[in-house]
Amino acid sequence: MKMIIAIVRPERLQCVKDGLSKIGVNGVTISHVTGRGEQMGLVFTTRVGEFVVDEIEKVKLEIVTDDEKVDEVIAKIREKAETGHPGDGRIFVLPVEQSIRIRSEDSAPKE
């Protein structure tokens, strides 16, 4: 099993969720986060002068899926989240050693 962590633009969240749902991925944890990457913030110019907002609002999605489905999930996130501009986001893939359902103690098989 793998955990896919995707950081995307907030305005692309609904499109990503819809796309994931179409490929059968419904279990998603969503967090609203702030941060910065290569984009290094936004510069605004007003009559008073310039100011920089260096912490940009993003949305973090966490998805745990089978190894065989990882490439499909990544492709769908990229397809739905991409705008072609800096700040579109990032995707991380991490191994998941074990998953246990709290209610019933069902355990996902270890690899």
N, C-alpha and C. Protein backbone atom coordinates (compact mmCIF):
# COMPACT_ATOMS: atom_id res chain seq x y z
N MET A 1 0.84 -1.18 0.00
CA MET A 1 0.00 0.00 0.00
C MET A 1 0.88 1.24 0.00
N LYS A 2 0.34 2.30 -0.57
CA LYS A 2 1.06 3.57 -0.63
C LYS A 2 0.14 4.69 -0.17
N MET A 3 0.74 5.74 0.38
CA MET A 3 0.01 6.96 0.68
C MET A 3 0.45 8.01 -0.33
N ILE A 4 -0.52 8.59 -1.00
CA ILE A 4 -0.26 9.66 -1.95
C ILE A 4 -0.67 10.96 -1.28
N ILE A 5 0.27 11.88 -1.19
CA ILE A 5 -0.01 13.20 -0.63
C ILE A 5 0.10 14.19 -1.78
N ALA A 6 -0.97 14.90 -2.04
CA ALA A 6 -0.98 15.88 -3.13
C ALA A 6 -1.28 17.26 -2.56
N ILE A 7 -0.49 18.24 -2.94
CA ILE A 7 -0.71 19.63 -2.57
C ILE A 7 -1.19 20.32 -3.84
N VAL A 8 -2.41 20.87 -3.82
CA VAL A 8 -3.00 21.47 -5.03
C VAL A 8 -3.61 22.83 -4.71
N ARG A 9 -3.94 23.54 -5.76
CA ARG A 9 -4.62 24.82 -5.62
C ARG A 9 -6.04 24.60 -5.08
N PRO A 10 -6.51 25.46 -4.18
CA PRO A 10 -7.85 25.28 -3.63
C PRO A 10 -8.95 25.29 -4.68
N GLU A 11 -8.79 26.07 -5.72
CA GLU A 11 -9.82 26.16 -6.75
C GLU A 11 -9.89 24.91 -7.63
N ARG A 12 -8.90 24.04 -7.54
CA ARG A 12 -8.90 22.79 -8.32
C ARG A 12 -9.39 21.59 -7.50
N LEU A 13 -9.69 21.81 -6.22
CA LEU A 13 -10.07 20.72 -5.33
C LEU A 13 -11.27 19.93 -5.84
N GLN A 14 -12.35 20.59 -6.20
CA GLN A 14 -13.56 19.88 -6.63
C GLN A 14 -13.30 19.05 -7.89
N CYS A 15 -12.56 19.59 -8.83
CA CYS A 15 -12.22 18.84 -10.04
C CYS A 15 -11.41 17.59 -9.72
N VAL A 16 -10.45 17.72 -8.78
CA VAL A 16 -9.64 16.57 -8.40
C VAL A 16 -10.50 15.52 -7.71
N LYS A 17 -11.36 15.94 -6.78
CA LYS A 17 -12.24 14.99 -6.09
C LYS A 17 -13.15 14.27 -7.07
N ASP A 18 -13.73 15.01 -8.01
CA ASP A 18 -14.60 14.39 -9.02
C ASP A 18 -13.84 13.38 -9.87
N GLY A 19 -12.62 13.75 -10.28
CA GLY A 19 -11.80 12.85 -11.09
C GLY A 19 -11.43 11.58 -10.33
N LEU A 20 -11.07 11.73 -9.06
CA LEU A 20 -10.73 10.56 -8.25
C LEU A 20 -11.94 9.65 -8.06
N SER A 21 -13.09 10.26 -7.86
CA SER A 21 -14.32 9.48 -7.69
C SER A 21 -14.62 8.64 -8.92
N LYS A 22 -14.35 9.19 -10.10
CA LYS A 22 -14.62 8.47 -11.35
C LYS A 22 -13.73 7.23 -11.52
N ILE A 23 -12.58 7.21 -10.86
CA ILE A 23 -11.71 6.03 -10.95
C ILE A 23 -11.84 5.15 -9.70
N GLY A 24 -12.85 5.44 -8.89
CA GLY A 24 -13.14 4.58 -7.75
C GLY A 24 -12.40 4.91 -6.47
N VAL A 25 -11.82 6.10 -6.39
CA VAL A 25 -11.11 6.52 -5.18
C VAL A 25 -12.00 7.50 -4.43
N ASN A 26 -12.56 7.03 -3.32
CA ASN A 26 -13.46 7.89 -2.54
C ASN A 26 -12.89 8.26 -1.18
N GLY A 27 -11.94 7.47 -0.67
CA GLY A 27 -11.34 7.76 0.63
C GLY A 27 -10.23 8.78 0.50
N VAL A 28 -10.53 10.02 0.89
CA VAL A 28 -9.55 11.10 0.78
C VAL A 28 -9.62 11.95 2.05
N THR A 29 -8.48 12.25 2.64
CA THR A 29 -8.42 13.19 3.75
C THR A 29 -7.98 14.53 3.17
N ILE A 30 -8.72 15.58 3.48
CA ILE A 30 -8.45 16.91 2.91
C ILE A 30 -8.13 17.89 4.03
N SER A 31 -7.03 18.62 3.88
CA SER A 31 -6.62 19.64 4.85
C SER A 31 -6.33 20.93 4.11
N HIS A 32 -6.71 22.03 4.71
CA HIS A 32 -6.37 23.34 4.15
C HIS A 32 -5.06 23.78 4.80
N VAL A 33 -4.07 24.06 3.96
CA VAL A 33 -2.72 24.36 4.45
C VAL A 33 -2.21 25.64 3.81
N THR A 34 -1.13 26.17 4.37
CA THR A 34 -0.44 27.29 3.74
C THR A 34 1.03 26.91 3.63
N GLY A 35 1.70 27.50 2.68
CA GLY A 35 3.12 27.24 2.51
C GLY A 35 3.65 27.93 1.27
N ARG A 36 4.85 27.58 0.92
CA ARG A 36 5.44 28.14 -0.29
C ARG A 36 6.44 27.16 -0.85
N GLY A 37 6.62 27.25 -2.14
CA GLY A 37 7.57 26.39 -2.83
C GLY A 37 8.39 27.25 -3.78
N GLU A 38 8.58 26.73 -4.99
CA GLU A 38 9.35 27.48 -5.98
C GLU A 38 8.67 28.79 -6.36
N GLN A 39 7.36 28.83 -6.18
CA GLN A 39 6.60 30.03 -6.53
C GLN A 39 7.05 31.24 -5.69
N MET A 40 7.49 30.98 -4.46
CA MET A 40 8.03 31.99 -3.54
C MET A 40 7.06 33.12 -3.24
N GLY A 41 5.77 32.87 -3.30
CA GLY A 41 4.79 33.87 -2.91
C GLY A 41 4.33 34.74 -4.07
N LEU A 42 3.48 35.68 -3.72
CA LEU A 42 2.92 36.60 -4.70
C LEU A 42 3.28 38.03 -4.33
N VAL A 43 3.57 38.85 -5.34
CA VAL A 43 3.87 40.26 -5.12
C VAL A 43 2.68 41.09 -5.56
N PHE A 44 2.19 41.93 -4.65
CA PHE A 44 1.07 42.81 -4.96
C PHE A 44 1.57 44.25 -4.95
N THR A 45 1.14 45.03 -5.94
CA THR A 45 1.52 46.43 -6.02
C THR A 45 0.27 47.28 -5.82
N THR A 46 0.37 48.21 -4.89
CA THR A 46 -0.74 49.15 -4.63
C THR A 46 -0.20 50.57 -4.75
N ARG A 47 -1.06 51.52 -4.52
CA ARG A 47 -0.61 52.91 -4.56
C ARG A 47 0.40 53.21 -3.46
N VAL A 48 0.34 52.45 -2.39
CA VAL A 48 1.24 52.66 -1.27
C VAL A 48 2.60 52.02 -1.51
N GLY A 49 2.63 50.96 -2.29
CA GLY A 49 3.88 50.26 -2.57
C GLY A 49 3.64 48.80 -2.85
N GLU A 50 4.70 48.02 -2.77
CA GLU A 50 4.61 46.59 -3.02
C GLU A 50 4.63 45.82 -1.70
N PHE A 51 3.91 44.71 -1.68
CA PHE A 51 4.05 43.80 -0.56
C PHE A 51 3.97 42.37 -1.06
N VAL A 52 4.62 41.48 -0.33
CA VAL A 52 4.73 40.09 -0.73
C VAL A 52 3.95 39.21 0.23
N VAL A 53 3.13 38.35 -0.33
CA VAL A 53 2.46 37.32 0.47
C VAL A 53 3.22 36.03 0.16
N ASP A 54 4.02 35.56 1.16
CA ASP A 54 4.88 34.42 0.87
C ASP A 54 4.34 33.10 1.39
N GLU A 55 3.17 33.11 1.99
CA GLU A 55 2.51 31.86 2.37
C GLU A 55 1.21 31.77 1.59
N ILE A 56 1.18 30.85 0.65
CA ILE A 56 0.05 30.70 -0.26
C ILE A 56 -0.88 29.60 0.26
N GLU A 57 -2.18 29.85 0.17
CA GLU A 57 -3.16 28.83 0.58
C GLU A 57 -3.18 27.70 -0.44
N LYS A 58 -3.13 26.48 0.07
CA LYS A 58 -3.20 25.27 -0.76
C LYS A 58 -4.11 24.27 -0.06
N VAL A 59 -4.38 23.16 -0.75
CA VAL A 59 -5.15 22.07 -0.17
C VAL A 59 -4.29 20.82 -0.24
N LYS A 60 -4.26 20.07 0.88
CA LYS A 60 -3.49 18.83 0.92
C LYS A 60 -4.47 17.66 0.93
N LEU A 61 -4.29 16.74 -0.02
CA LEU A 61 -5.09 15.54 -0.09
C LEU A 61 -4.21 14.36 0.28
N GLU A 62 -4.71 13.48 1.13
CA GLU A 62 -4.01 12.27 1.52
C GLU A 62 -4.86 11.07 1.12
N ILE A 63 -4.28 10.19 0.34
CA ILE A 63 -5.00 9.04 -0.21
C ILE A 63 -4.15 7.80 0.01
N VAL A 64 -4.74 6.77 0.59
CA VAL A 64 -4.05 5.49 0.73
C VAL A 64 -4.67 4.53 -0.28
N THR A 65 -3.81 3.90 -1.08
CA THR A 65 -4.31 3.03 -2.14
C THR A 65 -3.36 1.85 -2.34
N ASP A 66 -3.85 0.86 -3.07
CA ASP A 66 -3.02 -0.30 -3.41
C ASP A 66 -1.91 0.12 -4.37
N ASP A 67 -0.81 -0.61 -4.31
CA ASP A 67 0.35 -0.30 -5.17
C ASP A 67 -0.02 -0.26 -6.65
N GLU A 68 -0.91 -1.16 -7.06
CA GLU A 68 -1.27 -1.24 -8.49
C GLU A 68 -2.03 -0.01 -8.98
N LYS A 69 -2.63 0.73 -8.07
CA LYS A 69 -3.47 1.87 -8.47
C LYS A 69 -2.74 3.22 -8.38
N VAL A 70 -1.51 3.21 -7.89
CA VAL A 70 -0.77 4.45 -7.64
C VAL A 70 -0.62 5.29 -8.91
N ASP A 71 -0.17 4.69 -10.00
CA ASP A 71 0.06 5.44 -11.24
C ASP A 71 -1.23 6.06 -11.76
N GLU A 72 -2.34 5.33 -11.67
CA GLU A 72 -3.63 5.84 -12.13
C GLU A 72 -4.09 7.03 -11.29
N VAL A 73 -3.90 6.94 -9.98
CA VAL A 73 -4.29 8.04 -9.08
C VAL A 73 -3.44 9.28 -9.36
N ILE A 74 -2.13 9.09 -9.51
CA ILE A 74 -1.24 10.21 -9.80
C ILE A 74 -1.62 10.87 -11.12
N ALA A 75 -1.87 10.07 -12.15
CA ALA A 75 -2.25 10.62 -13.46
C ALA A 75 -3.53 11.42 -13.37
N LYS A 76 -4.50 10.95 -12.60
CA LYS A 76 -5.77 11.66 -12.49
C LYS A 76 -5.60 12.97 -11.72
N ILE A 77 -4.81 12.95 -10.65
CA ILE A 77 -4.56 14.19 -9.91
C ILE A 77 -3.87 15.21 -10.81
N ARG A 78 -2.86 14.78 -11.55
CA ARG A 78 -2.15 15.70 -12.45
C ARG A 78 -3.09 16.26 -13.51
N GLU A 79 -3.90 15.40 -14.09
CA GLU A 79 -4.84 15.84 -15.14
C GLU A 79 -5.80 16.91 -14.61
N LYS A 80 -6.33 16.70 -13.42
CA LYS A 80 -7.36 17.59 -12.89
C LYS A 80 -6.82 18.82 -12.17
N ALA A 81 -5.58 18.75 -11.66
CA ALA A 81 -5.03 19.86 -10.88
C ALA A 81 -4.19 20.84 -11.70
N GLU A 82 -3.73 20.41 -12.86
CA GLU A 82 -2.79 21.22 -13.64
C GLU A 82 -3.47 22.43 -14.28
N THR A 83 -2.83 23.60 -14.10
CA THR A 83 -3.27 24.82 -14.79
C THR A 83 -2.21 25.29 -15.78
N GLY A 84 -0.99 24.77 -15.63
CA GLY A 84 0.11 25.19 -16.50
C GLY A 84 0.88 26.37 -15.96
N HIS A 85 0.55 26.80 -14.74
CA HIS A 85 1.22 27.96 -14.13
C HIS A 85 2.00 27.51 -12.90
N PRO A 86 3.03 28.28 -12.51
CA PRO A 86 3.75 27.96 -11.28
C PRO A 86 2.78 27.91 -10.10
N GLY A 87 3.03 26.99 -9.18
CA GLY A 87 2.17 26.87 -8.01
C GLY A 87 1.06 25.86 -8.16
N ASP A 88 1.11 25.03 -9.22
CA ASP A 88 0.09 24.00 -9.41
C ASP A 88 0.13 22.94 -8.31
N GLY A 89 1.29 22.73 -7.70
CA GLY A 89 1.35 21.80 -6.58
C GLY A 89 2.41 20.74 -6.72
N ARG A 90 2.29 19.72 -5.87
CA ARG A 90 3.29 18.67 -5.79
C ARG A 90 2.61 17.39 -5.33
N ILE A 91 3.16 16.24 -5.73
CA ILE A 91 2.63 14.94 -5.33
C ILE A 91 3.77 14.14 -4.71
N PHE A 92 3.50 13.54 -3.54
CA PHE A 92 4.47 12.69 -2.84
C PHE A 92 3.87 11.30 -2.69
N VAL A 93 4.70 10.27 -2.79
CA VAL A 93 4.25 8.90 -2.61
C VAL A 93 5.10 8.27 -1.51
N LEU A 94 4.41 7.75 -0.48
CA LEU A 94 5.07 7.17 0.68
C LEU A 94 4.59 5.74 0.91
N PRO A 95 5.45 4.87 1.42
CA PRO A 95 4.99 3.51 1.73
C PRO A 95 4.11 3.52 2.99
N VAL A 96 3.13 2.63 3.02
CA VAL A 96 2.27 2.46 4.20
C VAL A 96 2.53 1.05 4.71
N GLU A 97 3.01 0.94 5.93
CA GLU A 97 3.34 -0.37 6.49
C GLU A 97 2.10 -1.14 6.92
N GLN A 98 1.12 -0.44 7.49
CA GLN A 98 -0.05 -1.13 8.00
C GLN A 98 -1.21 -0.15 8.08
N SER A 99 -2.42 -0.67 7.92
CA SER A 99 -3.63 0.13 8.04
C SER A 99 -4.64 -0.67 8.87
N ILE A 100 -5.13 -0.07 9.96
CA ILE A 100 -6.05 -0.77 10.84
C ILE A 100 -7.32 0.06 11.00
N ARG A 101 -8.46 -0.56 10.71
CA ARG A 101 -9.75 0.10 10.90
C ARG A 101 -10.07 0.11 12.39
N ILE A 102 -10.32 1.27 12.96
CA ILE A 102 -10.57 1.42 14.39
C ILE A 102 -11.83 0.66 14.82
N ARG A 103 -12.90 0.80 14.08
CA ARG A 103 -14.19 0.20 14.45
C ARG A 103 -14.11 -1.31 14.58
N SER A 104 -13.50 -1.97 13.62
CA SER A 104 -13.55 -3.44 13.58
C SER A 104 -12.18 -4.11 13.71
N GLU A 105 -11.14 -3.36 13.84
CA GLU A 105 -9.77 -3.85 13.93
C GLU A 105 -9.33 -4.63 12.69
N ASP A 106 -10.07 -4.48 11.57
CA ASP A 106 -9.63 -5.10 10.32
C ASP A 106 -8.28 -4.52 9.96
N SER A 107 -7.39 -5.35 9.53
CA SER A 107 -6.06 -4.92 9.17
C SER A 107 -5.83 -5.19 7.70
N ALA A 108 -5.31 -4.18 7.02
CA ALA A 108 -4.94 -4.39 5.62
C ALA A 108 -3.73 -5.31 5.60
N PRO A 109 -3.65 -6.20 4.64
CA PRO A 109 -2.52 -7.14 4.61
C PRO A 109 -1.19 -6.44 4.45
N LYS A 110 -0.20 -6.96 5.16
CA LYS A 110 1.15 -6.45 5.00
C LYS A 110 1.74 -7.05 3.74
N GLU A 111 2.59 -6.31 3.08
CA GLU A 111 3.20 -6.80 1.84
C GLU A 111 4.37 -7.68 2.14
